[in-house]
PDB file of N, CA and C in Angstrom:
ATOM      1  N   MET A   1     -10.371  12.113  14.555  1.00  0.00           N
ATOM      2  CA  MET A   1      -8.978  12.029  14.209  1.00  0.00           C
ATOM      3  C   MET A   1      -8.843  12.094  12.690  1.00  0.00           C
ATOM      4  N   THR A   2      -7.958  12.908  12.208  1.00  0.00           N
ATOM      5  CA  THR A   2      -7.710  13.037  10.779  1.00  0.00           C
ATOM      6  C   THR A   2      -6.546  12.124  10.398  1.00  0.00           C
ATOM      7  N   ALA A   3      -6.723  11.385   9.311  1.00  0.00           N
ATOM      8  CA  ALA A   3      -5.672  10.477   8.844  1.00  0.00           C
ATOM      9  C   ALA A   3      -5.148  10.973   7.505  1.00  0.00           C
ATOM     10  N   CYS A   4      -3.866  10.874   7.358  1.00  0.00           N
ATOM     11  CA  CYS A   4      -3.239  11.221   6.084  1.00  0.00           C
ATOM     12  C   CYS A   4      -3.557  10.113   5.095  1.00  0.00           C
ATOM     13  N   GLU A   5      -4.057  10.474   3.917  1.00  0.00           N
ATOM     14  CA  GLU A   5      -4.463   9.482   2.935  1.00  0.00           C
ATOM     15  C   GLU A   5      -3.291   8.907   2.154  1.00  0.00           C
ATOM     16  N   THR A   6      -2.270   9.716   1.909  1.00  0.00           N
ATOM     17  CA  THR A   6      -1.158   9.285   1.074  1.00  0.00           C
ATOM     18  C   THR A   6       0.096  10.058   1.449  1.00  0.00           C
ATOM     19  N   SER A   7       1.223   9.438   1.250  1.00  0.00           N
ATOM     20  CA  SER A   7       2.497  10.107   1.507  1.00  0.00           C
ATOM     21  C   SER A   7       3.500   9.679   0.447  1.00  0.00           C
ATOM     22  N   LEU A   8       4.329  10.612   0.045  1.00  0.00           N
ATOM     23  CA  LEU A   8       5.417  10.323  -0.880  1.00  0.00           C
ATOM     24  C   LEU A   8       6.729  10.467  -0.134  1.00  0.00           C
ATOM     25  N   LEU A   9       7.571   9.451  -0.250  1.00  0.00           N
ATOM     26  CA  LEU A   9       8.912   9.502   0.318  1.00  0.00           C
ATOM     27  C   LEU A   9       9.882   9.546  -0.852  1.00  0.00           C
ATOM     28  N   ILE A  10      10.553  10.678  -1.015  1.00  0.00           N
ATOM     29  CA  ILE A  10      11.435  10.897  -2.159  1.00  0.00           C
ATOM     30  C   ILE A  10      12.780  11.383  -1.638  1.00  0.00           C
ATOM     31  N   HIS A  11      13.836  10.762  -2.140  1.00  0.00           N
ATOM     32  CA  HIS A  11      15.173  11.235  -1.799  1.00  0.00           C
ATOM     33  C   HIS A  11      16.082  11.022  -2.996  1.00  0.00           C
ATOM     34  N   PRO A  12      16.568  12.089  -3.589  1.00  0.00           N
ATOM     35  CA  PRO A  12      17.345  11.958  -4.824  1.00  0.00           C
ATOM     36  C   PRO A  12      18.705  11.289  -4.668  1.00  0.00           C
ATOM     37  N   LEU A  13      19.223  11.185  -3.455  1.00  0.00           N
ATOM     38  CA  LEU A  13      20.575  10.650  -3.265  1.00  0.00           C
ATOM     39  C   LEU A  13      20.608   9.281  -2.588  1.00  0.00           C
ATOM     40  N   VAL A  14      19.463   8.673  -2.384  1.00  0.00           N
ATOM     41  CA  VAL A  14      19.381   7.397  -1.683  1.00  0.00           C
ATOM     42  C   VAL A  14      18.746   6.351  -2.599  1.00  0.00           C
ATOM     43  N   LEU A  15      19.270   5.138  -2.547  1.00  0.00           N
ATOM     44  CA  LEU A  15      18.719   3.998  -3.286  1.00  0.00           C
ATOM     45  C   LEU A  15      18.661   4.256  -4.790  1.00  0.00           C
ATOM     46  N   THR A  16      19.695   4.860  -5.304  1.00  0.00           N
ATOM     47  CA  THR A  16      19.735   5.159  -6.734  1.00  0.00           C
ATOM     48  C   THR A  16      19.947   3.902  -7.575  1.00  0.00           C
ATOM     49  N   ASP A  17      20.542   2.858  -6.989  1.00  0.00           N
ATOM     50  CA  ASP A  17      20.690   1.574  -7.674  1.00  0.00           C
ATOM     51  C   ASP A  17      19.363   0.824  -7.566  1.00  0.00           C
ATOM     52  N   PHE A  18      18.797   0.413  -8.711  1.00  0.00           N
ATOM     53  CA  PHE A  18      17.465  -0.200  -8.701  1.00  0.00           C
ATOM     54  C   PHE A  18      17.424  -1.504  -7.914  1.00  0.00           C
ATOM     55  N   ILE A  19      18.475  -2.311  -7.987  1.00  0.00           N
ATOM     56  CA  ILE A  19      18.489  -3.579  -7.248  1.00  0.00           C
ATOM     57  C   ILE A  19      18.461  -3.299  -5.741  1.00  0.00           C
ATOM     58  N   ALA A  20      19.270  -2.360  -5.279  1.00  0.00           N
ATOM     59  CA  ALA A  20      19.267  -1.985  -3.860  1.00  0.00           C
ATOM     60  C   ALA A  20      17.903  -1.418  -3.461  1.00  0.00           C
ATOM     61  N   TYR A  21      17.323  -0.610  -4.333  1.00  0.00           N
ATOM     62  CA  TYR A  21      15.987  -0.047  -4.092  1.00  0.00           C
ATOM     63  C   TYR A  21      14.957  -1.163  -3.956  1.00  0.00           C
ATOM     64  N   ASN A  22      15.013  -2.127  -4.861  1.00  0.00           N
ATOM     65  CA  ASN A  22      14.057  -3.228  -4.844  1.00  0.00           C
ATOM     66  C   ASN A  22      14.211  -4.059  -3.578  1.00  0.00           C
ATOM     67  N   ASP A  23      15.455  -4.277  -3.146  1.00  0.00           N
ATOM     68  CA  ASP A  23      15.690  -4.979  -1.885  1.00  0.00           C
ATOM     69  C   ASP A  23      15.092  -4.203  -0.712  1.00  0.00           C
ATOM     70  N   PHE A  24      15.266  -2.890  -0.726  1.00  0.00           N
ATOM     71  CA  PHE A  24      14.704  -2.042   0.333  1.00  0.00           C
ATOM     72  C   PHE A  24      13.176  -2.112   0.314  1.00  0.00           C
ATOM     73  N   LEU A  25      12.595  -2.117  -0.871  1.00  0.00           N
ATOM     74  CA  LEU A  25      11.143  -2.218  -0.992  1.00  0.00           C
ATOM     75  C   LEU A  25      10.646  -3.523  -0.361  1.00  0.00           C
ATOM     76  N   SER A  26      11.375  -4.610  -0.562  1.00  0.00           N
ATOM     77  CA  SER A  26      11.008  -5.880   0.076  1.00  0.00           C
ATOM     78  C   SER A  26      11.038  -5.750   1.592  1.00  0.00           C
ATOM     79  N   ARG A  27      12.030  -5.041   2.107  1.00  0.00           N
ATOM     80  CA  ARG A  27      12.112  -4.815   3.557  1.00  0.00           C
ATOM     81  C   ARG A  27      10.937  -3.963   4.048  1.00  0.00           C
ATOM     82  N   CYS A  28      10.554  -2.987   3.256  1.00  0.00           N
ATOM     83  CA  CYS A  28       9.405  -2.147   3.620  1.00  0.00           C
ATOM     84  C   CYS A  28       8.129  -2.973   3.681  1.00  0.00           C
ATOM     85  N   ASP A  29       7.923  -3.830   2.687  1.00  0.00           N
ATOM     86  CA  ASP A  29       6.742  -4.697   2.690  1.00  0.00           C
ATOM     87  C   ASP A  29       6.755  -5.628   3.906  1.00  0.00           C
ATOM     88  N   ALA A  30       7.938  -6.146   4.245  1.00  0.00           N
ATOM     89  CA  ALA A  30       8.058  -7.002   5.431  1.00  0.00           C
ATOM     90  C   ALA A  30       7.747  -6.210   6.697  1.00  0.00           C
ATOM     91  N   ALA A  31       8.172  -4.955   6.742  1.00  0.00           N
ATOM     92  CA  ALA A  31       7.888  -4.111   7.910  1.00  0.00           C
ATOM     93  C   ALA A  31       6.387  -3.881   8.053  1.00  0.00           C
ATOM     94  N   LEU A  32       5.689  -3.675   6.939  1.00  0.00           N
ATOM     95  CA  LEU A  32       4.224  -3.531   7.010  1.00  0.00           C
ATOM     96  C   LEU A  32       3.601  -4.777   7.622  1.00  0.00           C
ATOM     97  N   ALA A  33       4.085  -5.950   7.198  1.00  0.00           N
ATOM     98  CA  ALA A  33       3.567  -7.200   7.756  1.00  0.00           C
ATOM     99  C   ALA A  33       3.888  -7.301   9.243  1.00  0.00           C
ATOM    100  N   ASP A  34       5.125  -7.003   9.611  1.00  0.00           N
ATOM    101  CA  ASP A  34       5.535  -7.081  11.023  1.00  0.00           C
ATOM    102  C   ASP A  34       4.716  -6.151  11.910  1.00  0.00           C
ATOM    103  N   LEU A  35       4.348  -5.000  11.361  1.00  0.00           N
ATOM    104  CA  LEU A  35       3.582  -4.009  12.122  1.00  0.00           C
ATOM    105  C   LEU A  35       2.074  -4.253  12.075  1.00  0.00           C
ATOM    106  N   GLY A  36       1.669  -5.304  11.369  1.00  0.00           N
ATOM    107  CA  GLY A  36       0.243  -5.614  11.267  1.00  0.00           C
ATOM    108  C   GLY A  36      -0.515  -4.635  10.386  1.00  0.00           C
ATOM    109  N   LEU A  37       0.177  -4.035   9.423  1.00  0.00           N
ATOM    110  CA  LEU A  37      -0.450  -3.020   8.578  1.00  0.00           C
ATOM    111  C   LEU A  37      -0.812  -3.518   7.173  1.00  0.00           C
ATOM    112  N   GLU A  38      -0.607  -4.822   6.917  1.00  0.00           N
ATOM    113  CA  GLU A  38      -1.059  -5.374   5.641  1.00  0.00           C
ATOM    114  C   GLU A  38      -2.577  -5.245   5.582  1.00  0.00           C
ATOM    115  N   GLY A  39      -3.070  -4.828   4.451  1.00  0.00           N
ATOM    116  CA  GLY A  39      -4.503  -4.611   4.313  1.00  0.00           C
ATOM    117  C   GLY A  39      -4.913  -3.198   4.694  1.00  0.00           C
ATOM    118  N   GLU A  40      -4.035  -2.480   5.365  1.00  0.00           N
ATOM    119  CA  GLU A  40      -4.306  -1.086   5.715  1.00  0.00           C
ATOM    120  C   GLU A  40      -3.477  -0.136   4.853  1.00  0.00           C
ATOM    121  N   LEU A  41      -2.189  -0.450   4.704  1.00  0.00           N
ATOM    122  CA  LEU A  41      -1.299   0.372   3.890  1.00  0.00           C
ATOM    123  C   LEU A  41      -0.675  -0.484   2.797  1.00  0.00           C
ATOM    124  N   GLN A  42      -0.361   0.159   1.688  1.00  0.00           N
ATOM    125  CA  GLN A  42       0.433  -0.495   0.660  1.00  0.00           C
ATOM    126  C   GLN A  42       1.412   0.518   0.095  1.00  0.00           C
ATOM    127  N   ILE A  43       2.446  -0.005  -0.536  1.00  0.00           N
ATOM    128  CA  ILE A  43       3.493   0.846  -1.075  1.00  0.00           C
ATOM    129  C   ILE A  43       3.546   0.681  -2.580  1.00  0.00           C
ATOM    130  N   ALA A  44       3.387   1.785  -3.282  1.00  0.00           N
ATOM    131  CA  ALA A  44       3.602   1.800  -4.732  1.00  0.00           C
ATOM    132  C   ALA A  44       5.023   2.306  -4.950  1.00  0.00           C
ATOM    133  N   SER A  45       5.718   1.698  -5.897  1.00  0.00           N
ATOM    134  CA  SER A  45       7.134   2.025  -6.048  1.00  0.00           C
ATOM    135  C   SER A  45       7.424   2.656  -7.401  1.00  0.00           C
ATOM    136  N   PHE A  46       8.326   3.635  -7.377  1.00  0.00           N
ATOM    137  CA  PHE A  46       8.735   4.360  -8.574  1.00  0.00           C
ATOM    138  C   PHE A  46      10.238   4.612  -8.489  1.00  0.00           C
ATOM    139  N   HIS A  47      10.913   4.491  -9.614  1.00  0.00           N
ATOM    140  CA  HIS A  47      12.373   4.630  -9.625  1.00  0.00           C
ATOM    141  C   HIS A  47      12.806   5.027 -11.037  1.00  0.00           C
ATOM    142  N   PRO A  48      13.884   5.786 -11.165  1.00  0.00           N
ATOM    143  CA  PRO A  48      14.355   6.179 -12.510  1.00  0.00           C
ATOM    144  C   PRO A  48      14.693   4.992 -13.408  1.00  0.00           C
ATOM    145  N   ASP A  49      15.073   3.860 -12.815  1.00  0.00           N
ATOM    146  CA  ASP A  49      15.450   2.673 -13.588  1.00  0.00           C
ATOM    147  C   ASP A  49      14.457   1.530 -13.412  1.00  0.00           C
ATOM    148  N   TYR A  50      13.217   1.863 -13.080  1.00  0.00           N
ATOM    149  CA  TYR A  50      12.220   0.828 -12.796  1.00  0.00           C
ATOM    150  C   TYR A  50      12.142  -0.173 -13.936  1.00  0.00           C
ATOM    151  N   GLN A  51      12.088  -1.453 -13.569  1.00  0.00           N
ATOM    152  CA  GLN A  51      11.961  -2.505 -14.569  1.00  0.00           C
ATOM    153  C   GLN A  51      11.121  -3.637 -13.992  1.00  0.00           C
ATOM    154  N   PHE A  52       9.992  -3.915 -14.648  1.00  0.00           N
ATOM    155  CA  PHE A  52       9.161  -5.034 -14.247  1.00  0.00           C
ATOM    156  C   PHE A  52       9.869  -6.339 -14.564  1.00  0.00           C
ATOM    157  N   ALA A  53       9.627  -7.349 -13.761  1.00  0.00           N
ATOM    158  CA  ALA A  53      10.193  -8.680 -14.016  1.00  0.00           C
ATOM    159  C   ALA A  53       9.736  -9.158 -15.393  1.00  0.00           C
ATOM    160  N   GLY A  54      10.643  -9.780 -16.114  1.00  0.00           N
ATOM    161  CA  GLY A  54      10.312 -10.339 -17.422  1.00  0.00           C
ATOM    162  C   GLY A  54      10.318  -9.337 -18.565  1.00  0.00           C
ATOM    163  N   THR A  55      10.785  -8.102 -18.298  1.00  0.00           N
ATOM    164  CA  THR A  55      10.863  -7.087 -19.359  1.00  0.00           C
ATOM    165  C   THR A  55      12.321  -6.744 -19.625  1.00  0.00           C
ATOM    166  N   ASN A  56      12.542  -6.139 -20.764  1.00  0.00           N
ATOM    167  CA  ASN A  56      13.861  -5.578 -21.067  1.00  0.00           C
ATOM    168  C   ASN A  56      13.935  -4.182 -20.485  1.00  0.00           C
ATOM    169  N   ARG A  57      15.136  -3.727 -20.199  1.00  0.00           N
ATOM    170  CA  ARG A  57      15.340  -2.424 -19.547  1.00  0.00           C
ATOM    171  C   ARG A  57      14.570  -1.289 -20.226  1.00  0.00           C
ATOM    172  N   ASP A  58      14.586  -1.225 -21.544  1.00  0.00           N
ATOM    173  CA  ASP A  58      13.957  -0.109 -22.252  1.00  0.00           C
ATOM    174  C   ASP A  58      12.554  -0.404 -22.770  1.00  0.00           C
ATOM    175  N   ASP A  59      11.914  -1.477 -22.289  1.00  0.00           N
ATOM    176  CA  ASP A  59      10.523  -1.721 -22.666  1.00  0.00           C
ATOM    177  C   ASP A  59       9.664  -0.581 -22.118  1.00  0.00           C
ATOM    178  N   ILE A  60       8.795  -0.077 -22.945  1.00  0.00           N
ATOM    179  CA  ILE A  60       8.040   1.138 -22.614  1.00  0.00           C
ATOM    180  C   ILE A  60       7.148   0.961 -21.381  1.00  0.00           C
ATOM    181  N   GLU A  61       6.655  -0.253 -21.108  1.00  0.00           N
ATOM    182  CA  GLU A  61       5.777  -0.406 -19.948  1.00  0.00           C
ATOM    183  C   GLU A  61       6.501  -0.122 -18.633  1.00  0.00           C
ATOM    184  N   ASN A  62       7.819  -0.225 -18.613  1.00  0.00           N
ATOM    185  CA  ASN A  62       8.576   0.125 -17.405  1.00  0.00           C
ATOM    186  C   ASN A  62       8.424   1.603 -17.055  1.00  0.00           C
ATOM    187  N   TYR A  63       8.150   2.421 -18.044  1.00  0.00           N
ATOM    188  CA  TYR A  63       8.048   3.861 -17.817  1.00  0.00           C
ATOM    189  C   TYR A  63       6.803   4.245 -17.025  1.00  0.00           C
ATOM    190  N   THR A  64       5.848   3.338 -16.880  1.00  0.00           N
ATOM    191  CA  THR A  64       4.685   3.654 -16.043  1.00  0.00           C
ATOM    192  C   THR A  64       5.081   3.803 -14.582  1.00  0.00           C
ATOM    193  N   ASN A  65       6.225   3.233 -14.208  1.00  0.00           N
ATOM    194  CA  ASN A  65       6.691   3.312 -12.822  1.00  0.00           C
ATOM    195  C   ASN A  65       8.052   3.993 -12.707  1.00  0.00           C
ATOM    196  N   ARG A  66       8.420   4.742 -13.722  1.00  0.00           N
ATOM    197  CA  ARG A  66       9.682   5.493 -13.642  1.00  0.00           C
ATOM    198  C   ARG A  66       9.398   6.890 -13.120  1.00  0.00           C
ATOM    199  N   SER A  67      10.349   7.402 -12.391  1.00  0.00           N
ATOM    200  CA  SER A  67      10.226   8.727 -11.795  1.00  0.00           C
ATOM    201  C   SER A  67      11.617   9.365 -11.782  1.00  0.00           C
ATOM    202  N   PRO A  68      11.674  10.665 -11.592  1.00  0.00           N
ATOM    203  CA  PRO A  68      12.987  11.321 -11.592  1.00  0.00           C
ATOM    204  C   PRO A  68      13.916  10.832 -10.486  1.00  0.00           C
ATOM    205  N   TYR A  69      13.332  10.440  -9.340  1.00  0.00           N
ATOM    206  CA  TYR A  69      14.110  10.000  -8.186  1.00  0.00           C
ATOM    207  C   TYR A  69      13.470   8.746  -7.593  1.00  0.00           C
ATOM    208  N   PRO A  70      14.225   7.966  -6.821  1.00  0.00           N
ATOM    209  CA  PRO A  70      13.614   6.849  -6.110  1.00  0.00           C
ATOM    210  C   PRO A  70      12.481   7.370  -5.209  1.00  0.00           C
ATOM    211  N   MET A  71      11.351   6.671  -5.268  1.00  0.00           N
ATOM    212  CA  MET A  71      10.170   7.160  -4.565  1.00  0.00           C
ATOM    213  C   MET A  71       9.339   5.986  -4.050  1.00  0.00           C
ATOM    214  N   LEU A  72       8.848   6.131  -2.842  1.00  0.00           N
ATOM    215  CA  LEU A  72       7.869   5.212  -2.283  1.00  0.00           C
ATOM    216  C   LEU A  72       6.591   5.999  -2.060  1.00  0.00           C
ATOM    217  N   HIS A  73       5.496   5.470  -2.543  1.00  0.00           N
ATOM    218  CA  HIS A  73       4.197   6.116  -2.383  1.00  0.00           C
ATOM    219  C   HIS A  73       3.383   5.259  -1.429  1.00  0.00           C
ATOM    220  N   LEU A  74       3.184   5.750  -0.220  1.00  0.00           N
ATOM    221  CA  LEU A  74       2.410   5.037   0.784  1.00  0.00           C
ATOM    222  C   LEU A  74       0.945   5.408   0.633  1.00  0.00           C
ATOM    223  N   LEU A  75       0.120   4.387   0.522  1.00  0.00           N
ATOM    224  CA  LEU A  75      -1.303   4.591   0.276  1.00  0.00           C
ATOM    225  C   LEU A  75      -2.142   3.815   1.283  1.00  0.00           C
ATOM    226  N   ARG A  76      -3.255   4.397   1.673  1.00  0.00           N
ATOM    227  CA  ARG A  76      -4.217   3.671   2.502  1.00  0.00           C
ATOM    228  C   ARG A  76      -5.079   2.814   1.573  1.00  0.00           C
ATOM    229  N   GLU A  77      -5.170   1.533   1.877  1.00  0.00           N
ATOM    230  CA  GLU A  77      -5.932   0.635   1.007  1.00  0.00           C
ATOM    231  C   GLU A  77      -7.400   1.012   0.952  1.00  0.00           C
ATOM    232  N   ALA A  78      -7.950   1.519   2.035  1.00  0.00           N
ATOM    233  CA  ALA A  78      -9.353   1.950   2.022  1.00  0.00           C
ATOM    234  C   ALA A  78      -9.556   3.086   1.019  1.00  0.00           C
ATOM    235  N   SER A  79      -8.577   3.963   0.892  1.00  0.00           N
ATOM    236  CA  SER A  79      -8.671   5.059  -0.069  1.00  0.00           C
ATOM    237  C   SER A  79      -8.650   4.532  -1.496  1.00  0.00           C
ATOM    238  N   ILE A  80      -7.806   3.546  -1.726  1.00  0.00           N
ATOM    239  CA  ILE A  80      -7.741   2.939  -3.056  1.00  0.00           C
ATOM    240  C   ILE A  80      -9.074   2.269  -3.378  1.00  0.00           C
ATOM    241  N   GLU A  81      -9.599   1.540  -2.427  1.00  0.00           N
ATOM    242  CA  GLU A  81     -10.884   0.862  -2.637  1.00  0.00           C
ATOM    243  C   GLU A  81     -11.990   1.856  -2.964  1.00  0.00           C
ATOM    244  N   ARG A  82     -12.020   2.992  -2.279  1.00  0.00           N
ATOM    245  CA  ARG A  82     -13.027   4.016  -2.583  1.00  0.00           C
ATOM    246  C   ARG A  82     -12.819   4.579  -3.983  1.00  0.00           C
ATOM    247  N   ALA A  83     -11.556   4.792  -4.344  1.00  0.00           N
ATOM    248  CA  ALA A  83     -11.258   5.399  -5.651  1.00  0.00           C
ATOM    249  C   ALA A  83     -11.651   4.496  -6.810  1.00  0.00           C
ATOM    250  N   VAL A  84     -11.525   3.195  -6.634  1.00  0.00           N
ATOM    251  CA  VAL A  84     -11.817   2.283  -7.747  1.00  0.00           C
ATOM    252  C   VAL A  84     -13.179   1.613  -7.624  1.00  0.00           C
ATOM    253  N   SER A  85     -13.945   1.956  -6.604  1.00  0.00           N
ATOM    254  CA  SER A  85     -15.224   1.280  -6.361  1.00  0.00           C
ATOM    255  C   SER A  85     -16.196   1.414  -7.528  1.00  0.00           C
ATOM    256  N   GLY A  86     -16.114   2.477  -8.287  1.00  0.00           N
ATOM    257  CA  GLY A  86     -17.032   2.667  -9.407  1.00  0.00           C
ATOM    258  C   GLY A  86     -16.565   2.043 -10.712  1.00  0.00           C
ATOM    259  N   LEU A  87     -15.407   1.421 -10.687  1.00  0.00           N
ATOM    260  CA  LEU A  87     -14.871   0.815 -11.905  1.00  0.00           C
ATOM    261  C   LEU A  87     -15.257  -0.648 -11.990  1.00  0.00           C
ATOM    262  N   ARG A  88     -15.591  -1.096 -13.199  1.00  0.00           N
ATOM    263  CA  ARG A  88     -15.880  -2.519 -13.390  1.00  0.00           C
ATOM    264  C   ARG A  88     -14.625  -3.363 -13.228  1.00  0.00           C
ATOM    265  N   ASP A  89     -13.490  -2.842 -13.730  1.00  0.00           N
ATOM    266  CA  ASP A  89     -12.242  -3.598 -13.726  1.00  0.00           C
ATOM    267  C   ASP A  89     -11.103  -2.640 -13.413  1.00  0.00           C
ATOM    268  N   SER A  90     -10.679  -2.608 -12.152  1.00  0.00           N
ATOM    269  CA  SER A  90      -9.633  -1.658 -11.758  1.00  0.00           C
ATOM    270  C   SER A  90      -8.300  -1.957 -12.437  1.00  0.00           C
ATOM    271  N   ALA A  91      -8.071  -3.187 -12.866  1.00  0.00           N
ATOM    272  CA  ALA A  91      -6.828  -3.523 -13.582  1.00  0.00           C
ATOM    273  C   ALA A  91      -6.765  -2.816 -14.927  1.00  0.00           C
ATOM    274  N   GLU A  92      -7.893  -2.317 -15.396  1.00  0.00           N
ATOM    275  CA  GLU A  92      -7.911  -1.586 -16.665  1.00  0.00           C
ATOM    276  C   GLU A  92      -7.073  -0.311 -16.572  1.00  0.00           C
ATOM    277  N   ILE A  93      -6.911   0.238 -15.377  1.00  0.00           N
ATOM    278  CA  ILE A  93      -6.078   1.437 -15.207  1.00  0.00           C
ATOM    279  C   ILE A  93      -4.659   1.137 -15.667  1.00  0.00           C
ATOM    280  N   TYR A  94      -4.099   0.040 -15.178  1.00  0.00           N
ATOM    281  CA  TYR A  94      -2.735  -0.346 -15.567  1.00  0.00           C
ATOM    282  C   TYR A  94      -2.674  -0.642 -17.068  1.00  0.00           C
ATOM    283  N   ARG A  95      -3.635  -1.405 -17.567  1.00  0.00           N
ATOM    284  CA  ARG A  95      -3.621  -1.752 -19.004  1.00  0.00           C
ATOM    285  C   ARG A  95      -3.709  -0.500 -19.873  1.00  0.00           C
ATOM    286  N   ARG A  96      -4.531   0.457 -19.473  1.00  0.00           N
ATOM    287  CA  ARG A  96      -4.655   1.706 -20.227  1.00  0.00           C
ATOM    288  C   ARG A  96      -3.348   2.494 -20.175  1.00  0.00           C
ATOM    289  N   ASN A  97      -2.701   2.515 -19.012  1.00  0.00           N
ATOM    290  CA  ASN A  97      -1.409   3.201 -18.902  1.00  0.00           C
ATOM    291  C   ASN A  97      -0.380   2.575 -19.840  1.00  0.00           C
ATOM    292  N   VAL A  98      -0.340   1.250 -19.903  1.00  0.00           N
ATOM    293  CA  VAL A  98       0.607   0.571 -20.786  1.00  0.00           C
ATOM    294  C   VAL A  98       0.270   0.871 -22.241  1.00  0.00           C
ATOM    295  N   ARG A  99      -1.015   0.851 -22.597  1.00  0.00           N
ATOM    296  CA  ARG A  99      -1.401   1.187 -23.986  1.00  0.00           C
ATOM    297  C   ARG A  99      -0.974   2.609 -24.329  1.00  0.00           C
ATOM    298  N   THR A 100      -1.178   3.533 -23.407  1.00  0.00           N
ATOM    299  CA  THR A 100      -0.764   4.923 -23.638  1.00  0.00           C
ATOM    300  C   THR A 100       0.734   5.004 -23.853  1.00  0.00           C
ATOM    301  N   MET A 101       1.493   4.314 -23.018  1.00  0.00           N
ATOM    302  CA  MET A 101       2.946   4.338 -23.154  1.00  0.00           C
ATOM    303  C   MET A 101       3.384   3.722 -24.482  1.00  0.00           C
ATOM    304  N   ARG A 102       2.740   2.644 -24.891  1.00  0.00           N
ATOM    305  CA  ARG A 102       3.101   2.015 -26.169  1.00  0.00           C
ATOM    306  C   ARG A 102       2.767   2.933 -27.335  1.00  0.00           C
ATOM    307  N   THR A 103       1.680   3.685 -27.223  1.00  0.00           N
ATOM    308  CA  THR A 103       1.333   4.654 -28.272  1.00  0.00           C
ATOM    309  C   THR A 103       2.370   5.768 -28.330  1.00  0.00           C
ATOM    310  N   LEU A 104       2.783   6.258 -27.172  1.00  0.00           N
ATOM    311  CA  LEU A 104       3.801   7.312 -27.111  1.00  0.00           C
ATOM    312  C   LEU A 104       5.149   6.817 -27.620  1.00  0.00           C
ATOM    313  N   GLY A 105       5.542   5.633 -27.186  1.00  0.00           N
ATOM    314  CA  GLY A 105       6.863   5.121 -27.504  1.00  0.00           C
ATOM    315  C   GLY A 105       7.928   5.882 -26.719  1.00  0.00           C
ATOM    316  N   ILE A 106       9.143   5.363 -26.796  1.00  0.00           N
ATOM    317  CA  ILE A 106      10.257   5.963 -26.050  1.00  0.00           C
ATOM    318  C   ILE A 106      10.486   7.414 -26.476  1.00  0.00           C
ATOM    319  N   GLU A 107      10.480   7.670 -27.763  1.00  0.00           N
ATOM    320  CA  GLU A 107      10.739   9.038 -28.230  1.00  0.00           C
ATOM    321  C   GLU A 107       9.632  10.001 -27.802  1.00  0.00           C
ATOM    322  N   GLY A 108       8.390   9.559 -27.855  1.00  0.00           N
ATOM    323  CA  GLY A 108       7.285  10.401 -27.391  1.00  0.00           C
ATOM    324  C   GLY A 108       7.397  10.688 -25.910  1.00  0.00           C
ATOM    325  N   TRP A 109       7.777   9.679 -25.138  1.00  0.00           N
ATOM    326  CA  TRP A 109       7.989   9.869 -23.707  1.00  0.00           C
ATOM    327  C   TRP A 109       9.085  10.893 -23.468  1.00  0.00           C
ATOM    328  N   ARG A 110      10.188  10.749 -24.173  1.00  0.00           N
ATOM    329  CA  ARG A 110      11.312  11.684 -23.977  1.00  0.00           C
ATOM    330  C   ARG A 110      10.910  13.107 -24.332  1.00  0.00           C
ATOM    331  N   ARG A 111      10.117  13.276 -25.375  1.00  0.00           N
ATOM    332  CA  ARG A 111       9.652  14.634 -25.733  1.00  0.00           C
ATOM    333  C   ARG A 111       8.809  15.224 -24.608  1.00  0.00           C
ATOM    334  N   LEU A 112       7.893  14.410 -24.049  1.00  0.00           N
ATOM    335  CA  LEU A 112       7.078  14.889 -22.924  1.00  0.00           C
ATOM    336  C   LEU A 112       7.960  15.236 -21.735  1.00  0.00           C
ATOM    337  N   TRP A 113       8.903  14.382 -21.451  1.00  0.00           N
ATOM    338  CA  TRP A 113       9.807  14.589 -20.317  1.00  0.00           C
ATOM    339  C   TRP A 113      10.592  15.884 -20.509  1.00  0.00           C
ATOM    340  N   ASP A 114      11.162  16.068 -21.727  1.00  0.00           N
ATOM    341  CA  ASP A 114      11.959  17.269 -22.010  1.00  0.00           C
ATOM    342  C   ASP A 114      11.096  18.520 -21.947  1.00  0.00           C
ATOM    343  N   ASP A 115       9.841  18.451 -22.403  1.00  0.00           N
ATOM    344  CA  ASP A 115       8.950  19.611 -22.368  1.00  0.00           C
ATOM    345  C   ASP A 115       8.603  20.018 -20.941  1.00  0.00           C
ATOM    346  N   GLY A 116       8.589  19.039 -20.026  1.00  0.00           N
ATOM    347  CA  GLY A 116       8.237  19.321 -18.642  1.00  0.00           C
ATOM    348  C   GLY A 116       9.407  19.802 -17.809  1.00  0.00           C
ATOM    349  N   ALA A 117      10.609  19.652 -18.336  1.00  0.00           N
ATOM    350  CA  ALA A 117      11.800  20.002 -17.550  1.00  0.00           C
ATOM    351  C   ALA A 117      12.043  21.484 -17.498  1.00  0.00           C
TER     352      ALA A 117
END
């Protein structure tokens, strides 16, 4: 049997409000628990207005999880474990992303974004 390793759920016209999106994400996590899929699947979240708790709206680290549209990235935990198995500290991925974003700054991010459009 072949299993899909990852799926992206993207809809440009749904859950555009970040608070509503975050509430929906909580429901999705609860559904994983209800279905007995905790430890098998996880959801990474991305949104145009993504904001980590304890940050200001325009803090650059929020941009690590910003995307053009509301997005849920469904991942198999076994796949993640295989991908990071060779790393001493998998949390370094996030820290490196934040360092990169801080080096770029908001204006650098906007230039990259505009160049890709």
